[in-house]
Amino acid sequence: MTGDVVNLRQFRKTKARAEKEKAAEQNRLTHGRTKMEKNLTKALNEKAKKDFDQSRLEREPSSPKPDSSE
């Protein structure tokens, strides 16, 4: 029935290290890309935007409809 004795100072330090490592991993995923990867992503985004704009239909401005509620 006796539990393990835990040193709270060591427990807090271990927990802080784990949280720091988790934050560092997230930062590596977010910011840790090579210049080539960044340029590729930029080029793909520009191509997608260009393709989207090219497929857009231009509508002629329509004349205002007569108001039938008068």
C-alpha atoms as a PDB file:
ATOM      1  CA  MET A   1       0.000   0.000   0.000  1.00  0.00           C
ATOM      2  CA  THR A   2       2.927   2.325   0.175  1.00  0.00           C
ATOM      3  CA  GLY A   3       3.616   4.463  -2.866  1.00  0.00           C
ATOM      4  CA  ASP A   4       6.940   5.383  -4.351  1.00  0.00           C
ATOM      5  CA  VAL A   5       8.689   8.335  -2.786  1.00  0.00           C
ATOM      6  CA  VAL A   6       9.018  11.133  -5.342  1.00  0.00           C
ATOM      7  CA  ASN A   7      11.385  14.049  -5.124  1.00  0.00           C
ATOM      8  CA  LEU A   8       9.208  16.979  -6.236  1.00  0.00           C
ATOM      9  CA  ARG A   9      12.175  19.063  -7.382  1.00  0.00           C
ATOM     10  CA  GLN A  10      13.340  16.303  -9.724  1.00  0.00           C
ATOM     11  CA  PHE A  11       9.768  15.684 -10.880  1.00  0.00           C
ATOM     12  CA  ARG A  12       9.302  19.370 -11.770  1.00  0.00           C
ATOM     13  CA  LYS A  13      12.615  19.483 -13.641  1.00  0.00           C
ATOM     14  CA  THR A  14      11.754  16.344 -15.605  1.00  0.00           C
ATOM     15  CA  LYS A  15       8.347  17.744 -16.474  1.00  0.00           C
ATOM     16  CA  ALA A  16       9.864  21.080 -17.563  1.00  0.00           C
ATOM     17  CA  ARG A  17      12.405  19.285 -19.767  1.00  0.00           C
ATOM     18  CA  ALA A  18       9.654  17.260 -21.423  1.00  0.00           C
ATOM     19  CA  GLU A  19       7.604  20.403 -22.123  1.00  0.00           C
ATOM     20  CA  LYS A  20      10.663  22.187 -23.543  1.00  0.00           C
ATOM     21  CA  GLU A  21      11.408  19.228 -25.797  1.00  0.00           C
ATOM     22  CA  LYS A  22       7.811  19.188 -27.020  1.00  0.00           C
ATOM     23  CA  ALA A  23       7.992  22.918 -27.854  1.00  0.00           C
ATOM     24  CA  ALA A  24      11.358  22.428 -29.578  1.00  0.00           C
ATOM     25  CA  GLU A  25       9.931  19.622 -31.714  1.00  0.00           C
ATOM     26  CA  GLN A  26       7.045  21.853 -32.781  1.00  0.00           C
ATOM     27  CA  ASN A  27       9.471  24.657 -33.668  1.00  0.00           C
ATOM     28  CA  ARG A  28      11.586  22.248 -35.705  1.00  0.00           C
ATOM     29  CA  LEU A  29       8.514  21.254 -37.686  1.00  0.00           C
ATOM     30  CA  THR A  30       7.416  24.855 -38.173  1.00  0.00           C
ATOM     31  CA  HIS A  31      10.705  26.608 -38.897  1.00  0.00           C
ATOM     32  CA  GLY A  32      13.131  23.850 -39.766  1.00  0.00           C
ATOM     33  CA  ARG A  33      12.723  23.774 -43.532  1.00  0.00           C
ATOM     34  CA  THR A  34      15.476  24.121 -46.074  1.00  0.00           C
ATOM     35  CA  LYS A  35      15.594  26.982 -48.534  1.00  0.00           C
ATOM     36  CA  MET A  36      14.716  24.573 -51.354  1.00  0.00           C
ATOM     37  CA  GLU A  37      11.600  23.390 -49.515  1.00  0.00           C
ATOM     38  CA  LYS A  38      10.508  26.984 -48.883  1.00  0.00           C
ATOM     39  CA  ASN A  39      11.023  27.899 -52.558  1.00  0.00           C
ATOM     40  CA  LEU A  40       9.093  24.810 -53.685  1.00  0.00           C
ATOM     41  CA  THR A  41       6.163  25.655 -51.424  1.00  0.00           C
ATOM     42  CA  LYS A  42       6.175  29.252 -52.646  1.00  0.00           C
ATOM     43  CA  ALA A  43       6.233  28.145 -56.303  1.00  0.00           C
ATOM     44  CA  LEU A  44       3.387  25.666 -55.765  1.00  0.00           C
ATOM     45  CA  ASN A  45       1.276  28.320 -54.028  1.00  0.00           C
ATOM     46  CA  GLU A  46       1.890  30.824 -56.838  1.00  0.00           C
ATOM     47  CA  LYS A  47       0.990  28.205 -59.472  1.00  0.00           C
ATOM     48  CA  ALA A  48      -2.208  27.292 -57.645  1.00  0.00           C
ATOM     49  CA  LYS A  49      -3.184  30.969 -57.380  1.00  0.00           C
ATOM     50  CA  LYS A  50      -2.423  31.531 -61.070  1.00  0.00           C
ATOM     51  CA  ASP A  51      -4.454  28.465 -62.100  1.00  0.00           C
ATOM     52  CA  PHE A  52      -7.344  29.581 -59.908  1.00  0.00           C
ATOM     53  CA  ASP A  53      -7.332  33.089 -61.388  1.00  0.00           C
ATOM     54  CA  GLN A  54      -7.203  31.724 -64.942  1.00  0.00           C
ATOM     55  CA  SER A  55     -10.255  29.528 -64.431  1.00  0.00           C
ATOM     56  CA  ARG A  56     -12.305  32.348 -62.947  1.00  0.00           C
ATOM     57  CA  LEU A  57     -15.251  33.492 -65.076  1.00  0.00           C
ATOM     58  CA  GLU A  58     -15.640  37.193 -65.709  1.00  0.00           C
ATOM     59  CA  ARG A  59     -19.228  38.357 -65.381  1.00  0.00           C
ATOM     60  CA  GLU A  60     -20.544  41.440 -67.080  1.00  0.00           C
ATOM     61  CA  PRO A  61     -22.133  43.912 -64.724  1.00  0.00           C
ATOM     62  CA  SER A  62     -25.867  43.382 -64.897  1.00  0.00           C
ATOM     63  CA  SER A  63     -28.309  46.241 -65.057  1.00  0.00           C
ATOM     64  CA  PRO A  64     -30.281  46.828 -61.877  1.00  0.00           C
ATOM     65  CA  LYS A  65     -33.548  44.934 -61.793  1.00  0.00           C
ATOM     66  CA  PRO A  66     -36.712  46.988 -61.613  1.00  0.00           C
ATOM     67  CA  ASP A  67     -38.177  47.059 -58.141  1.00  0.00           C
ATOM     68  CA  SER A  68     -41.587  45.372 -58.244  1.00  0.00           C
ATOM     69  CA  SER A  69     -42.558  46.247 -54.672  1.00  0.00           C
ATOM     70  CA  GLU A  70     -43.752  49.777 -55.519  1.00  0.00           C
END
